[in-house]
Amino acid sequence: MARVTHEFKCTNCSKYFDIKLNISLTGNYRIHCPNCGHIHYRTLKEGRITEERFPDNQESILIEDIKPMMASCRETQHDTNLDSYFNEDKGESFLHRLWKEKFSRLIN
């Protein structure tokens, strides 16, 4: 299935993170910030995040939680392809940060 990549900014910690969503997703979802855990209540339509929010109450139908990987967090916004994004301050790409998140405990 096709996927759409979104850049999202957490209103709590002001970090940016990326989410890759299946285009078949439609409904109410809770998007968790991988940095601070803040929950964003959003409505998705065909895999796209809308500006619509929904309340956290018994009447709202929640489909599932979306929890992006910590490696997708960064300080600044970017407008390039995820895999080619390069953090010049730290000298590492998105894939390098992902590798470190998954395997750093094995080399320490």
PDB file of N, CA and C in Angstrom:
ATOM      1  N   MET A   1       0.827  -1.184   0.000  1.00  0.00           N
ATOM      2  CA  MET A   1       0.000   0.000   0.000  1.00  0.00           C
ATOM      3  C   MET A   1       0.877   1.255   0.000  1.00  0.00           C
ATOM      4  N   ALA A   2       0.348   2.296  -0.563  1.00  0.00           N
ATOM      5  CA  ALA A   2       1.076   3.564  -0.636  1.00  0.00           C
ATOM      6  C   ALA A   2       1.101   4.253   0.715  1.00  0.00           C
ATOM      7  N   ARG A   3       2.167   4.997   0.930  1.00  0.00           N
ATOM      8  CA  ARG A   3       2.333   5.734   2.186  1.00  0.00           C
ATOM      9  C   ARG A   3       2.650   7.194   1.895  1.00  0.00           C
ATOM     10  N   VAL A   4       2.279   8.046   2.851  1.00  0.00           N
ATOM     11  CA  VAL A   4       2.529   9.473   2.755  1.00  0.00           C
ATOM     12  C   VAL A   4       3.363   9.877   3.964  1.00  0.00           C
ATOM     13  N   THR A   5       4.420  10.662   3.742  1.00  0.00           N
ATOM     14  CA  THR A   5       5.266  11.121   4.838  1.00  0.00           C
ATOM     15  C   THR A   5       4.843  12.517   5.252  1.00  0.00           C
ATOM     16  N   HIS A   6       4.687  12.704   6.570  1.00  0.00           N
ATOM     17  CA  HIS A   6       4.301  13.998   7.131  1.00  0.00           C
ATOM     18  C   HIS A   6       5.360  14.471   8.107  1.00  0.00           C
ATOM     19  N   GLU A   7       5.582  15.773   8.099  1.00  0.00           N
ATOM     20  CA  GLU A   7       6.416  16.379   9.119  1.00  0.00           C
ATOM     21  C   GLU A   7       5.467  17.005  10.135  1.00  0.00           C
ATOM     22  N   PHE A   8       5.727  16.780  11.400  1.00  0.00           N
ATOM     23  CA  PHE A   8       4.818  17.219  12.448  1.00  0.00           C
ATOM     24  C   PHE A   8       5.628  17.969  13.495  1.00  0.00           C
ATOM     25  N   LYS A   9       5.074  19.065  14.033  1.00  0.00           N
ATOM     26  CA  LYS A   9       5.749  19.812  15.095  1.00  0.00           C
ATOM     27  C   LYS A   9       4.950  19.663  16.380  1.00  0.00           C
ATOM     28  N   CYS A  10       5.631  19.251  17.434  1.00  0.00           N
ATOM     29  CA  CYS A  10       4.992  19.102  18.737  1.00  0.00           C
ATOM     30  C   CYS A  10       4.812  20.488  19.352  1.00  0.00           C
ATOM     31  N   THR A  11       3.605  20.776  19.798  1.00  0.00           N
ATOM     32  CA  THR A  11       3.322  22.070  20.417  1.00  0.00           C
ATOM     33  C   THR A  11       3.832  22.130  21.849  1.00  0.00           C
ATOM     34  N   ASN A  12       4.187  20.992  22.415  1.00  0.00           N
ATOM     35  CA  ASN A  12       4.654  20.940  23.797  1.00  0.00           C
ATOM     36  C   ASN A  12       6.164  21.181  23.899  1.00  0.00           C
ATOM     37  N   CYS A  13       6.963  20.449  23.115  1.00  0.00           N
ATOM     38  CA  CYS A  13       8.426  20.558  23.210  1.00  0.00           C
ATOM     39  C   CYS A  13       9.050  21.280  22.014  1.00  0.00           C
ATOM     40  N   SER A  14       8.253  21.631  21.011  1.00  0.00           N
ATOM     41  CA  SER A  14       8.691  22.345  19.800  1.00  0.00           C
ATOM     42  C   SER A  14       9.661  21.559  18.934  1.00  0.00           C
ATOM     43  N   LYS A  15       9.728  20.241  19.083  1.00  0.00           N
ATOM     44  CA  LYS A  15      10.559  19.391  18.215  1.00  0.00           C
ATOM     45  C   LYS A  15       9.749  18.988  16.989  1.00  0.00           C
ATOM     46  N   TYR A  16      10.454  18.719  15.914  1.00  0.00           N
ATOM     47  CA  TYR A  16       9.830  18.209  14.694  1.00  0.00           C
ATOM     48  C   TYR A  16      10.059  16.706  14.634  1.00  0.00           C
ATOM     49  N   PHE A  17       9.086  15.978  14.077  1.00  0.00           N
ATOM     50  CA  PHE A  17       9.270  14.558  13.842  1.00  0.00           C
ATOM     51  C   PHE A  17       8.487  14.160  12.602  1.00  0.00           C
ATOM     52  N   ASP A  18       8.866  13.023  12.040  1.00  0.00           N
ATOM     53  CA  ASP A  18       8.263  12.557  10.796  1.00  0.00           C
ATOM     54  C   ASP A  18       7.404  11.327  11.041  1.00  0.00           C
ATOM     55  N   ILE A  19       6.318  11.258  10.285  1.00  0.00           N
ATOM     56  CA  ILE A  19       5.399  10.126  10.365  1.00  0.00           C
ATOM     57  C   ILE A  19       5.141   9.650   8.942  1.00  0.00           C
ATOM     58  N   LYS A  20       5.224   8.349   8.728  1.00  0.00           N
ATOM     59  CA  LYS A  20       4.904   7.759   7.432  1.00  0.00           C
ATOM     60  C   LYS A  20       3.590   7.008   7.611  1.00  0.00           C
ATOM     61  N   LEU A  21       2.528   7.458   6.932  1.00  0.00           N
ATOM     62  CA  LEU A  21       1.193   6.909   7.130  1.00  0.00           C
ATOM     63  C   LEU A  21       0.661   6.235   5.871  1.00  0.00           C
ATOM     64  N   ASN A  22      -0.035   5.154   6.069  1.00  0.00           N
ATOM     65  CA  ASN A  22      -0.703   4.434   4.999  1.00  0.00           C
ATOM     66  C   ASN A  22      -1.870   5.288   4.505  1.00  0.00           C
ATOM     67  N   ILE A  23      -2.070   5.372   3.194  1.00  0.00           N
ATOM     68  CA  ILE A  23      -3.134   6.224   2.655  1.00  0.00           C
ATOM     69  C   ILE A  23      -4.537   5.681   2.948  1.00  0.00           C
ATOM     70  N   SER A  24      -4.634   4.484   3.477  1.00  0.00           N
ATOM     71  CA  SER A  24      -5.953   3.935   3.810  1.00  0.00           C
ATOM     72  C   SER A  24      -6.438   4.378   5.192  1.00  0.00           C
ATOM     73  N   LEU A  25      -5.595   5.110   5.953  1.00  0.00           N
ATOM     74  CA  LEU A  25      -5.990   5.530   7.296  1.00  0.00           C
ATOM     75  C   LEU A  25      -6.956   6.706   7.245  1.00  0.00           C
ATOM     76  N   THR A  26      -8.119   6.518   7.853  1.00  0.00           N
ATOM     77  CA  THR A  26      -9.123   7.572   7.969  1.00  0.00           C
ATOM     78  C   THR A  26      -9.791   7.415   9.320  1.00  0.00           C
ATOM     79  N   GLY A  27      -9.928   8.525  10.045  1.00  0.00           N
ATOM     80  CA  GLY A  27     -10.575   8.483  11.352  1.00  0.00           C
ATOM     81  C   GLY A  27      -9.783   9.260  12.382  1.00  0.00           C
ATOM     82  N   ASN A  28     -10.103   9.035  13.656  1.00  0.00           N
ATOM     83  CA  ASN A  28      -9.460   9.735  14.768  1.00  0.00           C
ATOM     84  C   ASN A  28      -8.275   8.932  15.292  1.00  0.00           C
ATOM     85  N   TYR A  29      -7.134   9.597  15.412  1.00  0.00           N
ATOM     86  CA  TYR A  29      -5.907   8.962  15.884  1.00  0.00           C
ATOM     87  C   TYR A  29      -5.238   9.838  16.925  1.00  0.00           C
ATOM     88  N   ARG A  30      -4.530   9.211  17.843  1.00  0.00           N
ATOM     89  CA  ARG A  30      -3.691   9.936  18.790  1.00  0.00           C
ATOM     90  C   ARG A  30      -2.256   9.797  18.306  1.00  0.00           C
ATOM     91  N   ILE A  31      -1.614  10.932  18.034  1.00  0.00           N
ATOM     92  CA  ILE A  31      -0.222  10.939  17.576  1.00  0.00           C
ATOM     93  C   ILE A  31       0.631  11.343  18.770  1.00  0.00           C
ATOM     94  N   HIS A  32       1.534  10.458  19.165  1.00  0.00           N
ATOM     95  CA  HIS A  32       2.398  10.696  20.318  1.00  0.00           C
ATOM     96  C   HIS A  32       3.718  11.307  19.849  1.00  0.00           C
ATOM     97  N   CYS A  33       4.159  12.359  20.526  1.00  0.00           N
ATOM     98  CA  CYS A  33       5.475  12.931  20.232  1.00  0.00           C
ATOM     99  C   CYS A  33       6.531  11.958  20.745  1.00  0.00           C
ATOM    100  N   PRO A  34       7.470  11.541  19.899  1.00  0.00           N
ATOM    101  CA  PRO A  34       8.495  10.597  20.352  1.00  0.00           C
ATOM    102  C   PRO A  34       9.490  11.223  21.324  1.00  0.00           C
ATOM    103  N   ASN A  35       9.544  12.550  21.392  1.00  0.00           N
ATOM    104  CA  ASN A  35      10.483  13.206  22.294  1.00  0.00           C
ATOM    105  C   ASN A  35       9.914  13.353  23.712  1.00  0.00           C
ATOM    106  N   CYS A  36       8.723  13.948  23.833  1.00  0.00           N
ATOM    107  CA  CYS A  36       8.188  14.247  25.167  1.00  0.00           C
ATOM    108  C   CYS A  36       6.945  13.431  25.520  1.00  0.00           C
ATOM    109  N   GLY A  37       6.384  12.698  24.555  1.00  0.00           N
ATOM    110  CA  GLY A  37       5.208  11.874  24.829  1.00  0.00           C
ATOM    111  C   GLY A  37       3.885  12.618  24.762  1.00  0.00           C
ATOM    112  N   HIS A  38       3.928  13.920  24.435  1.00  0.00           N
ATOM    113  CA  HIS A  38       2.692  14.708  24.328  1.00  0.00           C
ATOM    114  C   HIS A  38       1.778  14.077  23.277  1.00  0.00           C
ATOM    115  N   ILE A  39       0.493  14.034  23.560  1.00  0.00           N
ATOM    116  CA  ILE A  39      -0.465  13.414  22.643  1.00  0.00           C
ATOM    117  C   ILE A  39      -1.187  14.497  21.845  1.00  0.00           C
ATOM    118  N   HIS A  40      -1.215  14.314  20.525  1.00  0.00           N
ATOM    119  CA  HIS A  40      -1.920  15.206  19.608  1.00  0.00           C
ATOM    120  C   HIS A  40      -3.131  14.440  19.077  1.00  0.00           C
ATOM    121  N   TYR A  41      -4.315  14.972  19.279  1.00  0.00           N
ATOM    122  CA  TYR A  41      -5.552  14.334  18.839  1.00  0.00           C
ATOM    123  C   TYR A  41      -5.884  14.867  17.452  1.00  0.00           C
ATOM    124  N   ARG A  42      -5.730  14.021  16.431  1.00  0.00           N
ATOM    125  CA  ARG A  42      -5.940  14.465  15.059  1.00  0.00           C
ATOM    126  C   ARG A  42      -6.865  13.513  14.300  1.00  0.00           C
ATOM    127  N   THR A  43      -7.535  14.087  13.323  1.00  0.00           N
ATOM    128  CA  THR A  43      -8.359  13.312  12.409  1.00  0.00           C
ATOM    129  C   THR A  43      -7.570  13.143  11.116  1.00  0.00           C
ATOM    130  N   LEU A  44      -7.485  11.905  10.636  1.00  0.00           N
ATOM    131  CA  LEU A  44      -6.799  11.603   9.389  1.00  0.00           C
ATOM    132  C   LEU A  44      -7.822  11.311   8.306  1.00  0.00           C
ATOM    133  N   LYS A  45      -7.522  11.749   7.104  1.00  0.00           N
ATOM    134  CA  LYS A  45      -8.356  11.452   5.937  1.00  0.00           C
ATOM    135  C   LYS A  45      -7.446  10.957   4.834  1.00  0.00           C
ATOM    136  N   GLU A  46      -7.625   9.707   4.453  1.00  0.00           N
ATOM    137  CA  GLU A  46      -6.836   9.067   3.401  1.00  0.00           C
ATOM    138  C   GLU A  46      -5.336   9.226   3.646  1.00  0.00           C
ATOM    139  N   GLY A  47      -4.903   8.971   4.888  1.00  0.00           N
ATOM    140  CA  GLY A  47      -3.496   9.011   5.232  1.00  0.00           C
ATOM    141  C   GLY A  47      -2.915  10.396   5.425  1.00  0.00           C
ATOM    142  N   ARG A  48      -3.743  11.418   5.366  1.00  0.00           N
ATOM    143  CA  ARG A  48      -3.265  12.788   5.531  1.00  0.00           C
ATOM    144  C   ARG A  48      -3.775  13.356   6.854  1.00  0.00           C
ATOM    145  N   ILE A  49      -2.878  14.019   7.574  1.00  0.00           N
ATOM    146  CA  ILE A  49      -3.237  14.647   8.839  1.00  0.00           C
ATOM    147  C   ILE A  49      -3.986  15.931   8.537  1.00  0.00           C
ATOM    148  N   THR A  50      -5.169  16.063   9.111  1.00  0.00           N
ATOM    149  CA  THR A  50      -5.958  17.283   8.928  1.00  0.00           C
ATOM    150  C   THR A  50      -5.737  18.195  10.129  1.00  0.00           C
ATOM    151  N   GLU A  51      -6.226  19.396  10.050  1.00  0.00           N
ATOM    152  CA  GLU A  51      -6.157  20.323  11.187  1.00  0.00           C
ATOM    153  C   GLU A  51      -7.277  20.051  12.192  1.00  0.00           C
ATOM    154  N   GLU A  52      -8.178  19.143  11.855  1.00  0.00           N
ATOM    155  CA  GLU A  52      -9.280  18.816  12.755  1.00  0.00           C
ATOM    156  C   GLU A  52      -8.751  18.068  13.971  1.00  0.00           C
ATOM    157  N   ARG A  53      -9.255  18.470  15.119  1.00  0.00           N
ATOM    158  CA  ARG A  53      -8.910  17.782  16.359  1.00  0.00           C
ATOM    159  C   ARG A  53     -10.175  17.158  16.902  1.00  0.00           C
ATOM    160  N   PHE A  54     -10.005  16.178  17.748  1.00  0.00           N
ATOM    161  CA  PHE A  54     -11.174  15.586  18.379  1.00  0.00           C
ATOM    162  C   PHE A  54     -10.942  15.541  19.883  1.00  0.00           C
ATOM    163  N   PRO A  55     -12.016  15.633  20.666  1.00  0.00           N
ATOM    164  CA  PRO A  55     -11.861  15.650  22.129  1.00  0.00           C
ATOM    165  C   PRO A  55     -11.550  14.265  22.682  1.00  0.00           C
ATOM    166  N   ASP A  56     -10.862  14.244  23.802  1.00  0.00           N
ATOM    167  CA  ASP A  56     -10.551  12.985  24.480  1.00  0.00           C
ATOM    168  C   ASP A  56     -11.700  12.672  25.441  1.00  0.00           C
ATOM    169  N   ASN A  57     -12.779  12.126  24.902  1.00  0.00           N
ATOM    170  CA  ASN A  57     -13.914  11.771  25.755  1.00  0.00           C
ATOM    171  C   ASN A  57     -14.559  10.477  25.261  1.00  0.00           C
ATOM    172  N   GLN A  58     -15.551  10.015  25.965  1.00  0.00           N
ATOM    173  CA  GLN A  58     -16.200   8.735  25.648  1.00  0.00           C
ATOM    174  C   GLN A  58     -16.926   8.752  24.303  1.00  0.00           C
ATOM    175  N   GLU A  59     -17.418   9.923  23.876  1.00  0.00           N
ATOM    176  CA  GLU A  59     -18.186   9.996  22.631  1.00  0.00           C
ATOM    177  C   GLU A  59     -17.313   9.907  21.374  1.00  0.00           C
ATOM    178  N   SER A  60     -16.055  10.295  21.470  1.00  0.00           N
ATOM    179  CA  SER A  60     -15.204  10.267  20.281  1.00  0.00           C
ATOM    180  C   SER A  60     -14.683   8.850  20.049  1.00  0.00           C
ATOM    181  N   ILE A  61     -14.713   8.449  18.807  1.00  0.00           N
ATOM    182  CA  ILE A  61     -14.263   7.112  18.431  1.00  0.00           C
ATOM    183  C   ILE A  61     -12.791   7.186  18.065  1.00  0.00           C
ATOM    184  N   LEU A  62     -11.984   6.494  18.846  1.00  0.00           N
ATOM    185  CA  LEU A  62     -10.546   6.462  18.614  1.00  0.00           C
ATOM    186  C   LEU A  62     -10.190   5.176  17.886  1.00  0.00           C
ATOM    187  N   ILE A  63      -9.445   5.282  16.811  1.00  0.00           N
ATOM    188  CA  ILE A  63      -9.060   4.094  16.061  1.00  0.00           C
ATOM    189  C   ILE A  63      -7.800   3.484  16.634  1.00  0.00           C
ATOM    190  N   GLU A  64      -6.742   4.246  16.792  1.00  0.00           N
ATOM    191  CA  GLU A  64      -5.513   3.711  17.382  1.00  0.00           C
ATOM    192  C   GLU A  64      -4.519   4.824  17.662  1.00  0.00           C
ATOM    193  N   ASP A  65      -3.444   4.449  18.361  1.00  0.00           N
ATOM    194  CA  ASP A  65      -2.356   5.376  18.652  1.00  0.00           C
ATOM    195  C   ASP A  65      -1.283   5.249  17.575  1.00  0.00           C
ATOM    196  N   ILE A  66      -0.650   6.377  17.253  1.00  0.00           N
ATOM    197  CA  ILE A  66       0.478   6.383  16.332  1.00  0.00           C
ATOM    198  C   ILE A  66       1.684   6.857  17.132  1.00  0.00           C
ATOM    199  N   LYS A  67       2.717   6.013  17.190  1.00  0.00           N
ATOM    200  CA  LYS A  67       3.913   6.341  17.968  1.00  0.00           C
ATOM    201  C   LYS A  67       5.140   6.300  17.053  1.00  0.00           C
ATOM    202  N   PRO A  68       5.560   7.481  16.548  1.00  0.00           N
ATOM    203  CA  PRO A  68       6.744   7.532  15.679  1.00  0.00           C
ATOM    204  C   PRO A  68       8.008   7.172  16.451  1.00  0.00           C
ATOM    205  N   MET A  69       9.044   6.832  15.718  1.00  0.00           N
ATOM    206  CA  MET A  69      10.328   6.471  16.324  1.00  0.00           C
ATOM    207  C   MET A  69      11.072   7.720  16.784  1.00  0.00           C
ATOM    208  N   MET A  70      11.814   7.571  17.881  1.00  0.00           N
ATOM    209  CA  MET A  70      12.592   8.678  18.437  1.00  0.00           C
ATOM    210  C   MET A  70      13.598   9.214  17.421  1.00  0.00           C
ATOM    211  N   ALA A  71      14.102   8.382  16.537  1.00  0.00           N
ATOM    212  CA  ALA A  71      15.094   8.810  15.552  1.00  0.00           C
ATOM    213  C   ALA A  71      14.543   9.833  14.566  1.00  0.00           C
ATOM    214  N   SER A  72      13.222   9.960  14.476  1.00  0.00           N
ATOM    215  CA  SER A  72      12.655  10.930  13.542  1.00  0.00           C
ATOM    216  C   SER A  72      12.592  12.335  14.139  1.00  0.00           C
ATOM    217  N   CYS A  73      12.953  12.506  15.417  1.00  0.00           N
ATOM    218  CA  CYS A  73      12.931  13.816  16.093  1.00  0.00           C
ATOM    219  C   CYS A  73      14.121  14.671  15.675  1.00  0.00           C
ATOM    220  N   ARG A  74      13.873  15.970  15.584  1.00  0.00           N
ATOM    221  CA  ARG A  74      14.941  16.914  15.305  1.00  0.00           C
ATOM    222  C   ARG A  74      14.510  18.308  15.747  1.00  0.00           C
ATOM    223  N   GLU A  75      15.474  19.206  15.790  1.00  0.00           N
ATOM    224  CA  GLU A  75      15.227  20.573  16.263  1.00  0.00           C
ATOM    225  C   GLU A  75      14.606  21.466  15.195  1.00  0.00           C
ATOM    226  N   THR A  76      14.968  21.238  13.941  1.00  0.00           N
ATOM    227  CA  THR A  76      14.554  22.150  12.881  1.00  0.00           C
ATOM    228  C   THR A  76      13.679  21.473  11.848  1.00  0.00           C
ATOM    229  N   GLN A  77      12.931  22.283  11.170  1.00  0.00           N
ATOM    230  CA  GLN A  77      12.074  21.812  10.092  1.00  0.00           C
ATOM    231  C   GLN A  77      12.933  21.572   8.858  1.00  0.00           C
ATOM    232  N   HIS A  78      12.533  20.625   8.020  1.00  0.00           N
ATOM    233  CA  HIS A  78      13.263  20.428   6.768  1.00  0.00           C
ATOM    234  C   HIS A  78      12.278  20.236   5.627  1.00  0.00           C
ATOM    235  N   ASP A  79      12.769  20.427   4.435  1.00  0.00           N
ATOM    236  CA  ASP A  79      11.899  20.314   3.274  1.00  0.00           C
ATOM    237  C   ASP A  79      12.512  19.409   2.207  1.00  0.00           C
ATOM    238  N   THR A  80      13.357  18.450   2.628  1.00  0.00           N
ATOM    239  CA  THR A  80      13.966  17.526   1.692  1.00  0.00           C
ATOM    240  C   THR A  80      13.509  16.109   1.987  1.00  0.00           C
ATOM    241  N   ASN A  81      13.905  15.189   1.157  1.00  0.00           N
ATOM    242  CA  ASN A  81      13.589  13.784   1.350  1.00  0.00           C
ATOM    243  C   ASN A  81      14.168  13.297   2.678  1.00  0.00           C
ATOM    244  N   LEU A  82      13.399  12.488   3.401  1.00  0.00           N
ATOM    245  CA  LEU A  82      13.832  11.994   4.709  1.00  0.00           C
ATOM    246  C   LEU A  82      15.203  11.338   4.679  1.00  0.00           C
ATOM    247  N   ASP A  83      15.430  10.451   3.734  1.00  0.00           N
ATOM    248  CA  ASP A  83      16.672   9.692   3.716  1.00  0.00           C
ATOM    249  C   ASP A  83      17.874  10.546   3.339  1.00  0.00           C
ATOM    250  N   SER A  84      17.646  11.669   2.687  1.00  0.00           N
ATOM    251  CA  SER A  84      18.767  12.528   2.330  1.00  0.00           C
ATOM    252  C   SER A  84      18.951  13.654   3.337  1.00  0.00           C
ATOM    253  N   TYR A  85      18.064  13.752   4.330  1.00  0.00           N
ATOM    254  CA  TYR A  85      18.199  14.804   5.339  1.00  0.00           C
ATOM    255  C   TYR A  85      19.476  14.579   6.138  1.00  0.00           C
ATOM    256  N   PHE A  86      20.267  15.622   6.271  1.00  0.00           N
ATOM    257  CA  PHE A  86      21.552  15.505   6.947  1.00  0.00           C
ATOM    258  C   PHE A  86      21.642  16.588   8.010  1.00  0.00           C
ATOM    259  N   ASN A  87      21.858  16.198   9.259  1.00  0.00           N
ATOM    260  CA  ASN A  87      21.985  17.137  10.361  1.00  0.00           C
ATOM    261  C   ASN A  87      23.446  17.577  10.427  1.00  0.00           C
ATOM    262  N   GLU A  88      23.730  18.773   9.928  1.00  0.00           N
ATOM    263  CA  GLU A  88      25.116  19.232   9.855  1.00  0.00           C
ATOM    264  C   GLU A  88      25.722  19.462  11.234  1.00  0.00           C
ATOM    265  N   ASP A  89      24.904  19.837  12.226  1.00  0.00           N
ATOM    266  CA  ASP A  89      25.418  20.063  13.581  1.00  0.00           C
ATOM    267  C   ASP A  89      26.010  18.791  14.174  1.00  0.00           C
ATOM    268  N   LYS A  90      25.350  17.664  13.934  1.00  0.00           N
ATOM    269  CA  LYS A  90      25.806  16.399  14.503  1.00  0.00           C
ATOM    270  C   LYS A  90      26.490  15.512  13.476  1.00  0.00           C
ATOM    271  N   GLY A  91      26.424  15.883  12.198  1.00  0.00           N
ATOM    272  CA  GLY A  91      27.068  15.098  11.162  1.00  0.00           C
ATOM    273  C   GLY A  91      26.432  13.740  10.942  1.00  0.00           C
ATOM    274  N   GLU A  92      25.106  13.691  11.003  1.00  0.00           N
ATOM    275  CA  GLU A  92      24.444  12.398  10.822  1.00  0.00           C
ATOM    276  C   GLU A  92      23.132  12.549  10.058  1.00  0.00           C
ATOM    277  N   SER A  93      22.754  11.503   9.356  1.00  0.00           N
ATOM    278  CA  SER A  93      21.520  11.492   8.585  1.00  0.00           C
ATOM    279  C   SER A  93      20.413  10.828   9.389  1.00  0.00           C
ATOM    280  N   PHE A  94      19.205  10.878   8.859  1.00  0.00           N
ATOM    281  CA  PHE A  94      18.064  10.229   9.500  1.00  0.00           C
ATOM    282  C   PHE A  94      18.320   8.735   9.686  1.00  0.00           C
ATOM    283  N   LEU A  95      18.835   8.073   8.657  1.00  0.00           N
ATOM    284  CA  LEU A  95      19.082   6.635   8.760  1.00  0.00           C
ATOM    285  C   LEU A  95      20.162   6.318   9.792  1.00  0.00           C
ATOM    286  N   HIS A  96      21.164   7.193   9.924  1.00  0.00           N
ATOM    287  CA  HIS A  96      22.194   6.986  10.940  1.00  0.00           C
ATOM    288  C   HIS A  96      21.601   7.117  12.343  1.00  0.00           C
ATOM    289  N   ARG A  97      20.729   8.119  12.552  1.00  0.00           N
ATOM    290  CA  ARG A  97      20.080   8.277  13.856  1.00  0.00           C
ATOM    291  C   ARG A  97      19.208   7.067  14.159  1.00  0.00           C
ATOM    292  N   LEU A  98      18.518   6.554  13.157  1.00  0.00           N
ATOM    293  CA  LEU A  98      17.682   5.370  13.338  1.00  0.00           C
ATOM    294  C   LEU A  98      18.532   4.162  13.720  1.00  0.00           C
ATOM    295  N   TRP A  99      19.659   3.982  13.049  1.00  0.00           N
ATOM    296  CA  TRP A  99      20.558   2.871  13.363  1.00  0.00           C
ATOM    297  C   TRP A  99      21.052   2.980  14.809  1.00  0.00           C
ATOM    298  N   LYS A 100      21.459   4.195  15.214  1.00  0.00           N
ATOM    299  CA  LYS A 100      21.941   4.391  16.584  1.00  0.00           C
ATOM    300  C   LYS A 100      20.856   4.087  17.608  1.00  0.00           C
ATOM    301  N   GLU A 101      19.617   4.493  17.312  1.00  0.00           N
ATOM    302  CA  GLU A 101      18.515   4.239  18.247  1.00  0.00           C
ATOM    303  C   GLU A 101      18.302   2.747  18.447  1.00  0.00           C
ATOM    304  N   LYS A 102      18.400   1.991  17.382  1.00  0.00           N
ATOM    305  CA  LYS A 102      18.127   0.554  17.452  1.00  0.00           C
ATOM    306  C   LYS A 102      19.297  -0.273  17.963  1.00  0.00           C
ATOM    307  N   PHE A 103      20.542   0.132  17.640  1.00  0.00           N
ATOM    308  CA  PHE A 103      21.675  -0.740  17.909  1.00  0.00           C
ATOM    309  C   PHE A 103      22.719  -0.169  18.863  1.00  0.00           C
ATOM    310  N   SER A 104      22.537   1.020  19.370  1.00  0.00           N
ATOM    311  CA  SER A 104      23.571   1.613  20.227  1.00  0.00           C
ATOM    312  C   SER A 104      23.789   0.820  21.505  1.00  0.00           C
ATOM    313  N   ARG A 105      22.774   0.177  22.006  1.00  0.00           N
ATOM    314  CA  ARG A 105      22.942  -0.614  23.235  1.00  0.00           C
ATOM    315  C   ARG A 105      23.845  -1.832  23.002  1.00  0.00           C
ATOM    316  N   LEU A 106      23.976  -2.274  21.761  1.00  0.00           N
ATOM    317  CA  LEU A 106      24.807  -3.434  21.454  1.00  0.00           C
ATOM    318  C   LEU A 106      26.287  -3.091  21.424  1.00  0.00           C
ATOM    319  N   ILE A 107      26.624  -1.830  21.140  1.00  0.00           N
ATOM    320  CA  ILE A 107      28.041  -1.465  21.030  1.00  0.00           C
ATOM    321  C   ILE A 107      28.575  -0.792  22.290  1.00  0.00           C
ATOM    322  N   ASN A 108      27.729  -0.532  23.263  1.00  0.00           N
ATOM    323  CA  ASN A 108      28.172   0.099  24.513  1.00  0.00           C
ATOM    324  C   ASN A 108      28.444  -0.934  25.572  1.00  0.00           C
TER     325      ASN A 108
END
